[in-house]
């Protein structure tokens, strides 16, 4: 994560915001008093929130672990060709 001072951020607001949005990389902005804040795109923030939700949900994490175990053993669900065509929109 890149870091800039609040003065640089203020002077280059438009270009830095465009950079954050286009690169999907947050930007840390530091203040003279030592406090800092992070700028990130709304899309990236929403994605982070979804990830946190999944990681904090024990039921979902157990489903993922169970799915990985059956996949590793080759015992996972295998859709038919017709189902795959429907999923792929063919």
N, C-alpha and C. Protein backbone atom coordinates (compact mmCIF):
# COMPACT_ATOMS: atom_id res chain seq x y z
N UNK A 1 0.86 -1.16 0.00
CA UNK A 1 0.00 0.00 0.00
C UNK A 1 0.91 1.23 0.00
N UNK A 2 0.66 2.11 -0.95
CA UNK A 2 1.40 3.37 -1.01
C UNK A 2 0.93 4.29 0.11
N UNK A 3 1.83 5.19 0.52
CA UNK A 3 1.52 6.16 1.57
C UNK A 3 1.89 7.55 1.08
N UNK A 4 1.02 8.52 1.32
CA UNK A 4 1.29 9.92 0.99
C UNK A 4 0.86 10.79 2.17
N UNK A 5 1.41 11.98 2.22
CA UNK A 5 0.99 12.93 3.26
C UNK A 5 -0.36 13.53 2.87
N UNK A 6 -1.05 14.07 3.85
CA UNK A 6 -2.34 14.68 3.59
C UNK A 6 -2.19 15.88 2.65
N UNK A 7 -1.07 16.59 2.73
CA UNK A 7 -0.83 17.72 1.82
C UNK A 7 -0.71 17.26 0.37
N UNK A 8 0.05 16.20 0.15
CA UNK A 8 0.18 15.66 -1.21
C UNK A 8 -1.16 15.14 -1.69
N UNK A 9 -1.88 14.48 -0.79
CA UNK A 9 -3.20 13.96 -1.15
C UNK A 9 -4.13 15.10 -1.57
N UNK A 10 -4.16 16.15 -0.79
CA UNK A 10 -5.02 17.30 -1.10
C UNK A 10 -4.64 17.93 -2.43
N UNK A 11 -3.34 18.10 -2.67
CA UNK A 11 -2.87 18.75 -3.90
C UNK A 11 -3.09 17.90 -5.15
N UNK A 12 -3.19 16.59 -4.95
CA UNK A 12 -3.31 15.67 -6.09
C UNK A 12 -4.55 14.79 -5.97
N UNK A 13 -5.58 15.32 -5.36
CA UNK A 13 -6.78 14.55 -5.04
C UNK A 13 -7.32 13.77 -6.24
N UNK A 14 -7.57 14.46 -7.33
CA UNK A 14 -8.20 13.81 -8.49
C UNK A 14 -7.35 12.66 -9.02
N UNK A 15 -6.08 12.88 -9.23
CA UNK A 15 -5.23 11.83 -9.80
C UNK A 15 -5.04 10.67 -8.83
N UNK A 16 -4.92 10.95 -7.54
CA UNK A 16 -4.74 9.88 -6.57
C UNK A 16 -6.00 9.04 -6.42
N UNK A 17 -7.16 9.69 -6.44
CA UNK A 17 -8.41 8.93 -6.37
C UNK A 17 -8.56 8.07 -7.62
N UNK A 18 -8.26 8.61 -8.78
CA UNK A 18 -8.32 7.82 -10.02
C UNK A 18 -7.39 6.61 -9.93
N UNK A 19 -6.21 6.81 -9.36
CA UNK A 19 -5.24 5.72 -9.20
C UNK A 19 -5.80 4.64 -8.28
N UNK A 20 -6.38 5.04 -7.16
CA UNK A 20 -6.96 4.08 -6.21
C UNK A 20 -8.05 3.26 -6.88
N UNK A 21 -8.92 3.92 -7.63
CA UNK A 21 -10.04 3.23 -8.28
C UNK A 21 -9.56 2.32 -9.40
N UNK A 22 -8.66 2.80 -10.23
CA UNK A 22 -8.24 2.01 -11.40
C UNK A 22 -7.32 0.85 -11.04
N UNK A 23 -6.47 1.03 -10.04
CA UNK A 23 -5.53 -0.03 -9.65
C UNK A 23 -6.10 -0.99 -8.61
N UNK A 24 -7.22 -0.62 -8.03
CA UNK A 24 -7.81 -1.43 -6.94
C UNK A 24 -6.82 -1.64 -5.80
N UNK A 25 -6.08 -0.57 -5.49
CA UNK A 25 -5.13 -0.60 -4.39
C UNK A 25 -5.45 0.56 -3.44
N UNK A 26 -5.58 0.27 -2.14
CA UNK A 26 -5.85 1.36 -1.19
C UNK A 26 -4.65 2.28 -1.06
N UNK A 27 -4.88 3.47 -0.57
CA UNK A 27 -3.85 4.48 -0.37
C UNK A 27 -3.91 4.95 1.08
N UNK A 28 -2.79 4.90 1.77
CA UNK A 28 -2.72 5.38 3.15
C UNK A 28 -2.31 6.85 3.12
N UNK A 29 -3.08 7.68 3.81
CA UNK A 29 -2.82 9.11 3.88
C UNK A 29 -2.47 9.45 5.33
N UNK A 30 -1.28 10.02 5.52
CA UNK A 30 -0.82 10.34 6.87
C UNK A 30 -0.98 11.82 7.17
N UNK A 31 -1.26 12.10 8.42
CA UNK A 31 -1.41 13.49 8.86
C UNK A 31 -0.21 13.85 9.74
N UNK A 32 0.03 15.12 9.85
CA UNK A 32 1.18 15.63 10.61
C UNK A 32 1.15 15.13 12.06
N UNK A 33 -0.02 15.02 12.64
CA UNK A 33 -0.16 14.58 14.04
C UNK A 33 0.05 13.08 14.19
N UNK A 34 0.32 12.40 13.10
CA UNK A 34 0.56 10.97 13.17
C UNK A 34 -0.64 10.11 12.87
N UNK A 35 -1.82 10.72 12.85
CA UNK A 35 -3.01 9.97 12.51
C UNK A 35 -3.00 9.69 11.01
N UNK A 36 -3.65 8.61 10.63
CA UNK A 36 -3.69 8.25 9.21
C UNK A 36 -5.08 7.74 8.85
N UNK A 37 -5.38 7.75 7.56
CA UNK A 37 -6.62 7.15 7.08
C UNK A 37 -6.32 6.48 5.74
N UNK A 38 -7.23 5.63 5.34
CA UNK A 38 -7.05 4.86 4.11
C UNK A 38 -8.15 5.23 3.13
N UNK A 39 -7.76 5.41 1.87
CA UNK A 39 -8.71 5.68 0.80
C UNK A 39 -8.75 4.44 -0.08
N UNK A 40 -9.97 3.96 -0.33
CA UNK A 40 -10.14 2.81 -1.22
C UNK A 40 -11.45 2.97 -1.98
N UNK A 41 -11.54 2.27 -3.11
CA UNK A 41 -12.75 2.38 -3.91
C UNK A 41 -13.92 1.71 -3.19
N UNK A 42 -15.12 2.15 -3.49
CA UNK A 42 -16.31 1.56 -2.89
C UNK A 42 -16.43 0.09 -3.27
N UNK A 43 -16.09 -0.24 -4.51
CA UNK A 43 -16.14 -1.63 -4.97
C UNK A 43 -15.21 -2.51 -4.13
N UNK A 44 -14.00 -2.04 -3.89
CA UNK A 44 -13.04 -2.80 -3.09
C UNK A 44 -13.50 -2.92 -1.64
N UNK A 45 -14.08 -1.84 -1.10
CA UNK A 45 -14.58 -1.87 0.27
C UNK A 45 -15.69 -2.90 0.42
N UNK A 46 -16.62 -2.93 -0.55
CA UNK A 46 -17.71 -3.91 -0.51
C UNK A 46 -17.17 -5.33 -0.59
N UNK A 47 -16.17 -5.54 -1.43
CA UNK A 47 -15.55 -6.86 -1.56
C UNK A 47 -14.90 -7.27 -0.24
N UNK A 48 -14.23 -6.34 0.42
CA UNK A 48 -13.61 -6.62 1.72
C UNK A 48 -14.67 -6.98 2.76
N UNK A 49 -15.79 -6.27 2.75
CA UNK A 49 -16.86 -6.55 3.70
C UNK A 49 -17.43 -7.95 3.49
N UNK A 50 -17.60 -8.35 2.22
CA UNK A 50 -18.09 -9.69 1.92
C UNK A 50 -17.11 -10.75 2.41
N UNK A 51 -15.83 -10.51 2.20
CA UNK A 51 -14.81 -11.45 2.66
C UNK A 51 -14.82 -11.57 4.17
N UNK A 52 -14.90 -10.46 4.86
CA UNK A 52 -14.96 -10.49 6.33
C UNK A 52 -16.19 -11.24 6.82
N UNK A 53 -17.32 -11.05 6.14
CA UNK A 53 -18.54 -11.74 6.52
C UNK A 53 -18.35 -13.26 6.43
N UNK A 54 -17.78 -13.70 5.32
CA UNK A 54 -17.56 -15.14 5.13
C UNK A 54 -16.59 -15.67 6.18
N UNK A 55 -15.49 -14.97 6.39
CA UNK A 55 -14.49 -15.43 7.35
C UNK A 55 -15.02 -15.48 8.78
N UNK A 56 -15.96 -14.62 9.11
CA UNK A 56 -16.51 -14.60 10.46
C UNK A 56 -17.69 -15.54 10.63
N UNK A 57 -18.19 -16.12 9.55
CA UNK A 57 -19.35 -16.99 9.61
C UNK A 57 -18.88 -18.44 9.69
N UNK A 58 -18.99 -19.03 10.87
CA UNK A 58 -18.49 -20.39 11.08
C UNK A 58 -19.18 -21.41 10.18
N UNK A 59 -20.47 -21.21 9.94
CA UNK A 59 -21.20 -22.15 9.08
C UNK A 59 -20.68 -22.14 7.65
N UNK A 60 -20.46 -20.95 7.11
CA UNK A 60 -19.92 -20.86 5.74
C UNK A 60 -18.51 -21.41 5.67
N UNK A 61 -17.69 -21.12 6.67
CA UNK A 61 -16.32 -21.64 6.66
C UNK A 61 -16.31 -23.17 6.74
N UNK A 62 -17.25 -23.75 7.48
CA UNK A 62 -17.34 -25.20 7.56
C UNK A 62 -17.77 -25.78 6.22
N UNK A 63 -18.71 -25.12 5.54
CA UNK A 63 -19.13 -25.58 4.21
C UNK A 63 -17.97 -25.55 3.23
N UNK A 64 -17.16 -24.50 3.30
CA UNK A 64 -15.99 -24.40 2.42
C UNK A 64 -14.99 -25.51 2.72
N UNK A 65 -14.74 -25.76 4.00
CA UNK A 65 -13.81 -26.82 4.40
C UNK A 65 -14.32 -28.18 3.94
N UNK A 66 -15.62 -28.43 4.13
CA UNK A 66 -16.20 -29.71 3.70
C UNK A 66 -16.11 -29.86 2.18
N UNK A 67 -16.37 -28.79 1.47
CA UNK A 67 -16.29 -28.83 0.01
C UNK A 67 -14.87 -29.11 -0.46
N UNK A 68 -13.90 -28.47 0.17
CA UNK A 68 -12.50 -28.71 -0.19
C UNK A 68 -12.11 -30.17 0.07
N UNK A 69 -12.59 -30.72 1.17
CA UNK A 69 -12.27 -32.11 1.50
C UNK A 69 -12.84 -33.07 0.47
N UNK A 70 -14.09 -32.87 0.07
CA UNK A 70 -14.68 -33.77 -0.93
C UNK A 70 -14.03 -33.55 -2.29
N UNK A 71 -13.67 -32.32 -2.62
CA UNK A 71 -12.99 -32.04 -3.89
C UNK A 71 -11.63 -32.73 -3.94
N UNK A 72 -10.89 -32.63 -2.85
CA UNK A 72 -9.56 -33.25 -2.79
C UNK A 72 -9.64 -34.76 -2.98
N UNK A 73 -10.69 -35.36 -2.44
CA UNK A 73 -10.89 -36.81 -2.57
C UNK A 73 -11.52 -37.20 -3.90
N UNK A 74 -11.88 -36.20 -4.70
CA UNK A 74 -12.54 -36.49 -5.98
C UNK A 74 -13.98 -36.94 -5.81
N UNK A 75 -14.59 -36.58 -4.69
CA UNK A 75 -15.95 -37.01 -4.40
C UNK A 75 -16.95 -35.87 -4.49
N UNK A 76 -16.53 -34.75 -5.03
CA UNK A 76 -17.40 -33.59 -5.10
C UNK A 76 -18.51 -33.76 -6.13
N UNK A 77 -19.44 -32.84 -6.11
CA UNK A 77 -20.56 -32.84 -7.04
C UNK A 77 -20.06 -32.61 -8.45
N UNK A 78 -20.58 -33.37 -9.41
CA UNK A 78 -20.23 -33.20 -10.81
C UNK A 78 -21.50 -33.00 -11.62
N UNK A 79 -21.69 -31.78 -12.12
CA UNK A 79 -22.90 -31.53 -12.91
C UNK A 79 -22.85 -32.29 -14.24
N UNK A 80 -24.04 -32.58 -14.76
CA UNK A 80 -24.13 -33.24 -16.07
C UNK A 80 -23.77 -32.24 -17.15
N UNK A 81 -23.59 -32.72 -18.37
CA UNK A 81 -23.30 -31.84 -19.49
C UNK A 81 -24.42 -30.83 -19.68
N UNK A 82 -25.66 -31.27 -19.56
CA UNK A 82 -26.80 -30.36 -19.69
C UNK A 82 -26.77 -29.28 -18.62
N UNK A 83 -26.46 -29.64 -17.39
CA UNK A 83 -26.38 -28.67 -16.32
C UNK A 83 -25.24 -27.67 -16.57
N UNK A 84 -24.12 -28.15 -17.05
CA UNK A 84 -22.99 -27.28 -17.36
C UNK A 84 -23.36 -26.30 -18.48
N UNK A 85 -24.06 -26.80 -19.50
CA UNK A 85 -24.50 -25.93 -20.58
C UNK A 85 -25.43 -24.84 -20.06
N UNK A 86 -26.31 -25.22 -19.15
CA UNK A 86 -27.24 -24.25 -18.57
C UNK A 86 -26.48 -23.22 -17.74
N UNK A 87 -25.52 -23.68 -16.96
CA UNK A 87 -24.70 -22.77 -16.15
C UNK A 87 -23.93 -21.80 -17.03
N UNK A 88 -23.37 -22.33 -18.12
CA UNK A 88 -22.56 -21.51 -19.04
C UNK A 88 -23.41 -20.68 -19.98
N UNK A 89 -24.71 -20.90 -19.96
CA UNK A 89 -25.60 -20.13 -20.82
C UNK A 89 -25.60 -20.58 -22.27
N UNK A 90 -25.27 -21.83 -22.49
CA UNK A 90 -25.25 -22.36 -23.86
C UNK A 90 -26.59 -22.94 -24.26
